Amino acid sequence: MADIVNLRTARKQKARSLKEAKADANRAKHGISTKTRCLDSAKAQRESHQLDGKKLVD
């Protein structure tokens, strides 16, 4: 005999998996997240500031 399946739950699970697939495609399409982009920018700015502080003045 076949297992009993709740159709409402199956429909919701299918919708979730479709949304997750679409989200993965969008992540790949739009690149890195805002949080990562901000962290990289802050790191570059901090390194630049530290380098400027270590320059020798003639």
Foldseek 3Di string as FASTA:
>chain_A
DDDDDDVVVVVVVVVVVVVVVVVVVVCVVVDDDPVVVVVVVVVVVVVVVVVVVPDDDD
